[in-house]
Protein backbone atom coordinates (compact mmCIF):
# COMPACT_ATOMS: atom_id res chain seq x y z
CA UNK A 1 96.15 113.44 116.62
CA UNK A 2 98.24 112.94 113.50
CA UNK A 3 101.96 112.40 113.80
CA UNK A 4 104.43 113.21 111.02
CA UNK A 5 107.48 111.12 110.19
CA UNK A 6 110.02 111.39 107.37
CA UNK A 7 112.62 109.00 106.08
CA UNK A 8 114.55 109.16 102.83
CA UNK A 9 115.25 106.10 100.79
CA UNK A 10 118.94 105.90 100.04
CA UNK A 11 119.33 102.86 97.94
CA UNK A 12 122.56 103.74 97.46
CA UNK A 13 110.88 82.18 64.31
CA UNK A 14 109.69 85.37 63.41
CA UNK A 15 111.93 83.71 66.05
CA UNK A 16 115.47 85.03 66.23
CA UNK A 17 117.58 82.27 64.75
CA UNK A 18 120.04 84.84 63.43
CA UNK A 19 121.83 87.53 65.41
CA UNK A 20 119.65 90.40 64.25
CA UNK A 21 116.24 90.72 62.65
CA UNK A 22 114.41 93.95 61.73
CA UNK A 23 112.40 93.68 64.94
CA UNK A 24 115.60 93.44 66.99
CA UNK A 25 117.89 95.71 65.07
CA UNK A 26 116.04 98.97 65.38
CA UNK A 27 114.04 99.61 68.51
CA UNK A 28 113.73 103.19 67.24
CA UNK A 29 111.17 101.89 64.68
CA UNK A 30 108.70 101.48 67.54
CA UNK A 31 106.79 104.16 69.41
CA UNK A 32 109.52 104.90 71.98
CA UNK A 33 112.03 106.82 69.88
CA UNK A 34 114.37 108.11 72.58
CA UNK A 35 115.07 108.08 76.29
CA UNK A 36 113.67 111.57 76.76
CA UNK A 37 113.70 113.70 79.90
CA UNK A 38 113.25 112.60 83.48
CA UNK A 39 109.70 112.85 84.85
CA UNK A 40 108.96 113.28 88.55
CA UNK A 41 105.87 111.92 90.32
CA UNK A 42 104.28 112.12 93.75
CA UNK A 43 102.57 108.82 94.56
CA UNK A 44 100.19 108.97 97.53
CA UNK A 45 98.71 105.88 99.19
CA UNK A 46 95.77 106.53 101.55
CA UNK A 47 94.58 103.76 103.87
CA UNK A 48 91.64 103.85 106.29
CA UNK A 49 89.81 101.08 108.13
CA UNK A 50 87.89 100.49 111.36
CA UNK A 51 89.54 98.36 114.05
CA UNK A 52 87.44 98.76 117.21
CA UNK A 53 89.26 97.41 120.28
CA UNK A 54 91.84 95.65 118.16
CA UNK A 55 95.45 96.37 117.31
CA UNK A 56 96.43 96.54 113.65
CA UNK A 57 99.41 96.57 111.33
CA UNK A 58 99.96 97.70 107.76
CA UNK A 59 102.79 97.34 105.27
CA UNK A 60 102.87 99.81 102.36
CA UNK A 61 105.33 99.32 99.45
CA UNK A 62 107.23 102.40 98.28
CA UNK A 63 109.43 102.98 95.20
CA UNK A 64 112.89 101.56 95.85
CA UNK A 65 114.44 100.55 92.50
CA UNK A 66 117.44 102.76 91.78
CA UNK A 67 118.86 102.51 88.26
CA UNK A 68 121.02 105.40 87.08
CA UNK A 69 119.58 105.59 83.58
CA UNK A 70 115.85 105.21 84.23
CA UNK A 71 114.67 105.03 87.88
CA UNK A 72 115.32 107.28 90.91
CA UNK A 73 113.44 106.79 94.21
CA UNK A 74 113.48 110.12 96.06
CA UNK A 75 112.08 109.26 99.46
CA UNK A 76 108.82 108.87 101.34
CA UNK A 77 106.86 110.90 103.92
CA UNK A 78 103.83 109.92 105.93
CA UNK A 79 101.05 111.21 108.14
CA UNK A 80 99.22 108.76 110.37
CA UNK A 81 97.49 108.21 113.69
CA UNK A 82 99.48 104.98 114.14
CA UNK A 83 101.39 104.56 117.38
CA UNK A 84 104.52 103.87 115.34
CA UNK A 85 105.55 104.13 111.71
CA UNK A 86 108.95 103.50 110.17
CA UNK A 87 110.71 102.69 106.92
CA UNK A 88 111.85 99.06 106.63
CA UNK A 89 113.77 97.01 104.09
CA UNK A 90 112.90 93.33 103.74
CA UNK A 91 115.49 90.61 103.26
CA UNK A 92 114.31 90.27 99.67
CA UNK A 93 115.11 93.93 99.01
CA UNK A 94 111.69 95.60 99.05
CA UNK A 95 111.27 98.86 100.95
CA UNK A 96 108.05 99.58 102.81
CA UNK A 97 106.46 101.76 105.46
CA UNK A 98 105.49 99.62 108.44
CA UNK A 99 102.70 100.95 110.68
CA UNK A 100 101.29 99.72 114.01
CA UNK A 101 98.08 100.89 115.71
CA UNK A 102 97.17 100.23 119.33
CA UNK A 103 93.85 98.80 120.52
CA UNK A 104 92.75 102.22 121.79
CA UNK A 105 92.55 103.73 118.29
CA UNK A 106 89.12 102.93 116.77
CA UNK A 107 90.05 103.79 113.18
CA UNK A 108 93.39 103.40 111.42
CA UNK A 109 94.41 106.22 109.08
CA UNK A 110 97.63 106.62 107.08
CA UNK A 111 98.80 108.66 104.11
CA UNK A 112 102.15 107.77 102.55
CA UNK A 113 103.65 110.10 99.94
CA UNK A 114 106.56 108.91 97.79
CA UNK A 115 108.49 110.87 95.21
CA UNK A 116 110.25 109.17 92.30
CA UNK A 117 111.71 110.04 88.92
CA UNK A 118 111.46 107.83 85.86
CA UNK A 119 112.06 108.00 82.12
CA UNK A 120 111.92 105.96 78.94
CA UNK A 121 114.22 103.02 78.30
CA UNK A 122 115.53 102.21 74.84
CA UNK A 123 118.17 99.66 73.80
CA UNK A 124 119.86 100.14 70.42
CA UNK A 125 120.56 96.58 69.32
CA UNK A 126 122.67 97.84 66.39
CA UNK A 127 125.35 99.00 68.86
CA UNK A 128 126.39 96.02 70.99
CA UNK A 129 129.05 96.55 73.64
CA UNK A 130 130.18 94.15 76.37
CA UNK A 131 128.21 94.73 79.56
CA UNK A 132 129.70 94.57 83.03
CA UNK A 133 129.34 90.90 83.99
CA UNK A 134 126.93 89.75 86.64
CA UNK A 135 128.44 88.36 89.81
CA UNK A 136 128.13 84.64 90.43
CA UNK A 137 125.54 85.40 93.11
CA UNK A 138 123.48 87.60 90.79
CA UNK A 139 123.58 85.06 87.97
CA UNK A 140 122.49 82.30 90.35
CA UNK A 141 119.66 84.46 91.74
CA UNK A 142 118.27 85.43 88.35
CA UNK A 143 118.44 81.97 86.80
CA UNK A 144 117.11 80.01 89.78
CA UNK A 145 113.68 78.59 90.56
CA UNK A 146 111.58 79.49 93.58
CA UNK A 147 107.97 79.10 94.71
CA UNK A 148 106.94 82.07 92.54
CA UNK A 149 109.03 81.03 89.54
CA UNK A 150 109.05 77.21 89.22
CA UNK A 151 111.23 75.36 86.76
CA UNK A 152 109.36 72.30 85.56
CA UNK A 153 109.16 70.14 82.47
CA UNK A 154 106.33 72.21 81.00
CA UNK A 155 108.42 75.37 81.01
CA UNK A 156 111.51 73.56 79.75
CA UNK A 157 109.55 72.06 76.86
CA UNK A 158 108.11 75.48 75.94
CA UNK A 159 111.54 77.09 76.09
CA UNK A 160 113.11 74.36 73.98
CA UNK A 161 110.48 74.75 71.28
CA UNK A 162 110.67 78.54 71.32
CA UNK A 163 114.46 78.77 71.10
CA UNK A 164 115.32 75.76 68.92
CA UNK A 165 116.69 77.91 66.07
CA UNK A 166 118.42 80.53 68.26
CA UNK A 167 122.17 80.48 68.83
CA UNK A 168 122.92 83.67 70.79
CA UNK A 169 121.53 84.99 74.05
CA UNK A 170 119.90 87.85 72.12
CA UNK A 171 118.41 85.36 69.69
CA UNK A 172 117.03 83.22 72.53
CA UNK A 173 115.49 86.20 74.33
CA UNK A 174 113.87 87.50 71.15
CA UNK A 175 112.62 84.02 70.28
CA UNK A 176 110.96 83.65 73.69
CA UNK A 177 109.34 87.08 73.32
CA UNK A 178 108.02 86.23 69.85
CA UNK A 179 106.77 82.83 71.02
CA UNK A 180 104.74 84.49 73.79
CA UNK A 181 103.50 87.17 71.40
CA UNK A 182 102.37 84.68 68.77
CA UNK A 183 101.36 81.64 70.84
CA UNK A 184 99.90 82.99 74.09
CA UNK A 185 97.07 85.21 75.28
CA UNK A 186 95.82 86.84 78.46
CA UNK A 187 93.36 83.95 78.92
CA UNK A 188 95.74 80.99 79.18
CA UNK A 189 94.56 79.55 82.48
CA UNK A 190 96.89 76.54 82.60
CA UNK A 191 99.98 78.73 82.49
CA UNK A 192 98.60 80.98 85.20
CA UNK A 193 98.21 77.89 87.33
CA UNK A 194 101.74 76.77 86.49
CA UNK A 195 103.09 80.12 87.64
CA UNK A 196 101.26 79.96 90.95
CA UNK A 197 98.00 81.63 90.00
CA UNK A 198 99.18 84.75 91.81
CA UNK A 199 97.07 87.86 91.26
CA UNK A 200 99.67 90.60 91.55
CA UNK A 201 97.56 93.44 90.30
CA UNK A 202 93.94 93.36 91.32
CA UNK A 203 91.83 92.47 88.30
CA UNK A 204 91.16 93.62 84.76
CA UNK A 205 92.92 95.08 82.89
CA UNK A 206 95.98 93.78 84.75
CA UNK A 207 95.19 90.14 83.97
CA UNK A 208 97.84 89.90 81.23
CA UNK A 209 100.79 90.45 83.58
CA UNK A 210 101.49 86.77 84.10
CA UNK A 211 102.90 86.77 80.54
CA UNK A 212 105.88 88.77 81.78
CA UNK A 213 106.42 86.18 84.51
CA UNK A 214 106.18 83.53 81.80
CA UNK A 215 108.92 85.35 79.86
CA UNK A 216 111.13 85.38 82.95
CA UNK A 217 110.53 81.70 83.59
CA UNK A 218 111.25 80.68 79.99
CA UNK A 219 114.39 82.84 79.95
CA UNK A 220 115.68 81.31 83.17
CA UNK A 221 115.22 77.70 82.07
CA UNK A 222 117.06 78.70 78.86
CA UNK A 223 120.03 79.88 80.92
CA UNK A 224 119.32 83.61 80.57
CA UNK A 225 119.28 85.73 83.75
CA UNK A 226 115.87 87.42 83.97
CA UNK A 227 113.70 89.11 86.59
CA UNK A 228 110.33 90.74 87.21
CA UNK A 229 110.06 94.34 88.37
CA UNK A 230 106.89 95.33 90.20
CA UNK A 231 105.54 98.85 89.88
CA UNK A 232 102.62 101.06 88.95
CA UNK A 233 101.50 103.17 85.99
CA UNK A 234 101.50 106.83 86.96
CA UNK A 235 100.54 108.77 83.81
CA UNK A 236 98.84 108.37 80.43
CA UNK A 237 100.93 107.25 77.48
CA UNK A 238 102.31 110.25 75.61
CA UNK A 239 102.26 108.07 72.49
CA UNK A 240 98.48 107.71 72.50
CA UNK A 241 98.16 104.17 73.86
CA UNK A 242 95.14 104.38 76.13
CA UNK A 243 95.59 100.80 77.39
CA UNK A 244 99.25 101.32 78.38
CA UNK A 245 98.93 104.14 80.88
CA UNK A 246 97.00 105.56 83.79
CA UNK A 247 93.62 106.95 82.74
CA UNK A 248 93.31 109.39 85.67
CA UNK A 249 95.28 110.41 88.74
CA UNK A 250 93.59 107.54 90.62
CA UNK A 251 96.04 104.72 89.88
CA UNK A 252 94.81 102.23 92.50
CA UNK A 253 94.20 99.51 89.91
CA UNK A 254 97.08 100.40 87.58
CA UNK A 255 99.72 98.12 89.12
CA UNK A 256 101.87 96.45 86.47
CA UNK A 257 104.93 94.20 86.50
CA UNK A 258 107.57 94.39 83.80
CA UNK A 259 110.42 92.06 82.84
CA UNK A 260 114.13 92.32 82.16
CA UNK A 261 116.58 89.87 80.62
CA UNK A 262 120.36 90.17 80.93
CA UNK A 263 122.26 89.91 77.63
CA UNK A 264 126.03 89.81 77.34
CA UNK A 265 126.40 92.74 74.95
CA UNK A 266 123.62 94.93 76.32
CA UNK A 267 123.21 94.33 80.06
CA UNK A 268 119.66 94.44 81.41
CA UNK A 269 117.15 94.70 78.55
CA UNK A 270 113.49 95.72 79.09
CA UNK A 271 110.82 93.33 77.79
CA UNK A 272 107.02 93.50 78.09
CA UNK A 273 104.99 90.98 76.06
CA UNK A 274 102.16 91.43 78.57
CA UNK A 275 101.59 94.99 77.41
CA UNK A 276 101.42 93.90 73.78
CA UNK A 277 98.60 91.48 74.62
CA UNK A 278 96.93 94.08 76.82
CA UNK A 279 96.99 96.51 73.90
CA UNK A 280 95.51 93.87 71.56
CA UNK A 281 92.67 93.19 73.99
CA UNK A 282 91.88 96.62 75.45
CA UNK A 283 93.11 99.36 73.11
CA UNK A 284 90.00 101.03 71.59
CA UNK A 285 88.03 99.75 69.80
CA UNK A 286 89.29 96.46 71.30
CA UNK A 287 90.32 93.06 69.90
CA UNK A 288 92.94 94.51 67.56
CA UNK A 289 94.56 92.39 64.88
CA UNK A 290 98.29 91.68 64.78
CA UNK A 291 98.42 93.71 61.57
CA UNK A 292 96.99 96.84 63.19
CA UNK A 293 99.62 99.63 63.00
CA UNK A 294 99.50 100.19 66.76
CA UNK A 295 100.15 96.51 67.40
CA UNK A 296 102.98 96.38 64.86
CA UNK A 297 104.66 99.39 66.46
CA UNK A 298 104.21 98.05 69.98
CA UNK A 299 105.49 94.60 69.00
CA UNK A 300 108.76 96.22 67.91
CA UNK A 301 108.94 98.54 70.90
CA UNK A 302 108.24 96.15 73.75
CA UNK A 303 111.32 94.05 73.16
CA UNK A 304 114.05 96.51 74.11
CA UNK A 305 112.10 99.56 75.23
CA UNK A 306 109.35 100.80 77.51
CA UNK A 307 107.69 104.12 78.22
CA UNK A 308 108.59 106.12 81.33
CA UNK A 309 105.02 106.53 82.59
CA UNK A 310 105.58 103.75 85.14
CA UNK A 311 107.38 103.78 88.51
CA UNK A 312 109.21 100.70 89.80
CA UNK A 313 108.59 99.58 93.40
CA UNK A 314 110.73 96.47 93.86
CA UNK A 315 111.98 93.18 92.39
CA UNK A 316 111.19 91.15 95.50
CA UNK A 317 109.69 87.67 95.66
CA UNK A 318 108.85 85.62 98.74
CA UNK A 319 108.72 88.76 100.88
CA UNK A 320 108.85 88.27 104.65
CA UNK A 321 106.95 91.11 106.30
CA UNK A 322 108.72 92.73 109.27
CA UNK A 323 106.72 92.70 112.49
CA UNK A 324 104.61 89.73 111.38
CA UNK A 325 104.70 86.13 112.59
CA UNK A 326 106.94 85.09 109.69
CA UNK A 327 104.28 85.98 107.12
CA UNK A 328 105.63 85.63 103.58
CA UNK A 329 104.00 87.15 100.49
CA UNK A 330 104.85 85.69 97.07
CA UNK A 331 105.22 89.23 95.71
CA UNK A 332 104.72 92.62 97.33
CA UNK A 333 102.83 94.99 95.05
CA UNK A 334 99.94 96.26 97.17
CA UNK A 335 99.55 97.44 100.78
CA UNK A 336 98.93 94.62 103.24
CA UNK A 337 96.85 94.92 106.42
CA UNK A 338 96.37 92.79 109.54
CA UNK A 339 93.64 93.57 112.10
CA UNK A 340 94.18 91.87 115.43
CA UNK A 341 95.20 88.25 114.87
CA UNK A 342 93.25 87.90 111.62
CA UNK A 343 94.82 86.81 108.37
CA UNK A 344 96.89 89.40 106.50
CA UNK A 345 94.93 90.80 103.55
CA UNK A 346 95.76 93.25 100.79
CA UNK A 347 94.48 96.79 100.60
CA UNK A 348 91.71 95.81 98.20
CA UNK A 349 89.94 93.69 100.80
CA UNK A 350 86.37 94.56 101.89
CA UNK A 351 86.10 97.12 104.71
CA UNK A 352 89.54 98.56 103.91
CA UNK A 353 89.74 101.80 101.99
CA UNK A 354 92.94 101.99 99.94
CA UNK A 355 93.36 104.65 97.27
CA UNK A 356 96.57 105.37 95.36
CA UNK A 357 96.96 108.59 93.38
CA UNK A 358 99.74 110.07 91.25
CA UNK A 359 100.59 113.67 90.44
CA UNK A 360 103.32 114.75 88.04
CA UNK A 361 105.69 117.38 89.42
CA UNK A 362 108.36 119.54 87.78
CA UNK A 363 111.41 117.32 87.31
CA UNK A 364 114.86 118.34 88.47
CA UNK A 365 117.70 119.22 86.10
């Protein structure tokens, strides 16, 4: 017999050695030309797995990043045969639905529906204005190292080479972006190892995402506050970029992390070198050149703007799962499941059915 529960989330060189370059000064030259209207989406996660004579637990991430100008989580509902299900917030800030099944239930079933609104982001670098300063705690958090984001000599050397001609925080951030764009690729195995080798997204074509973590790491060792935001693509690109959107309403494999860097005169600035390299590799017909018009436009856009066909889940790292024996996940992007006393696995594991779909709804005023 299915039970229904409802909780609302209430979260309360080509490098930039000079202040401005054409690529910095006019984000409107790229494909995102304005912030546009809010878009509303229903994201449904369906989980099912057999668990004969064993108890089970599941943790399902839900949208929980509230930013007044681009992201609004609107709450989550669920239907399940679990003995208990409730909304939880982890110490690292991620929200999730936590489910527990008793031994008597032979098959675990859950459907979690989350509503969220999102829209484009666009920074006009020709109009600087002092941003509200970060607190000492925020600055320390977003410049520090952890097990997911190490600070070692390799990163410091990369950052030093990338930013050697930059004098401002904007110049440093742009220089790091351009260094990743021009010097890196989705295939750089050594850097993936340096950043923990963590698969946050479940396979091709999400294998470029570590480049956004690389941006965050290089920014932090350069003294710039930066962070990753974990989320999922929910709709096709309205600008015609097949590789930068969902290709159907089944978005199970469309998880994507983005990056932000905090700049004194602009606040939090969106950055996504990973998507530029994804476009180069996967945009039809594939293996595009840097001179291709789509690449040129995206290169301008993805420092300072991103398209609102993506919903943010959380910014959490080293996530301790409630109800577990102190289990900690490096990042929390996909549902996690534990059957009996077995190891916790993600929703893509064999014998676990996990499907995530997205439907666009009429947005509010």
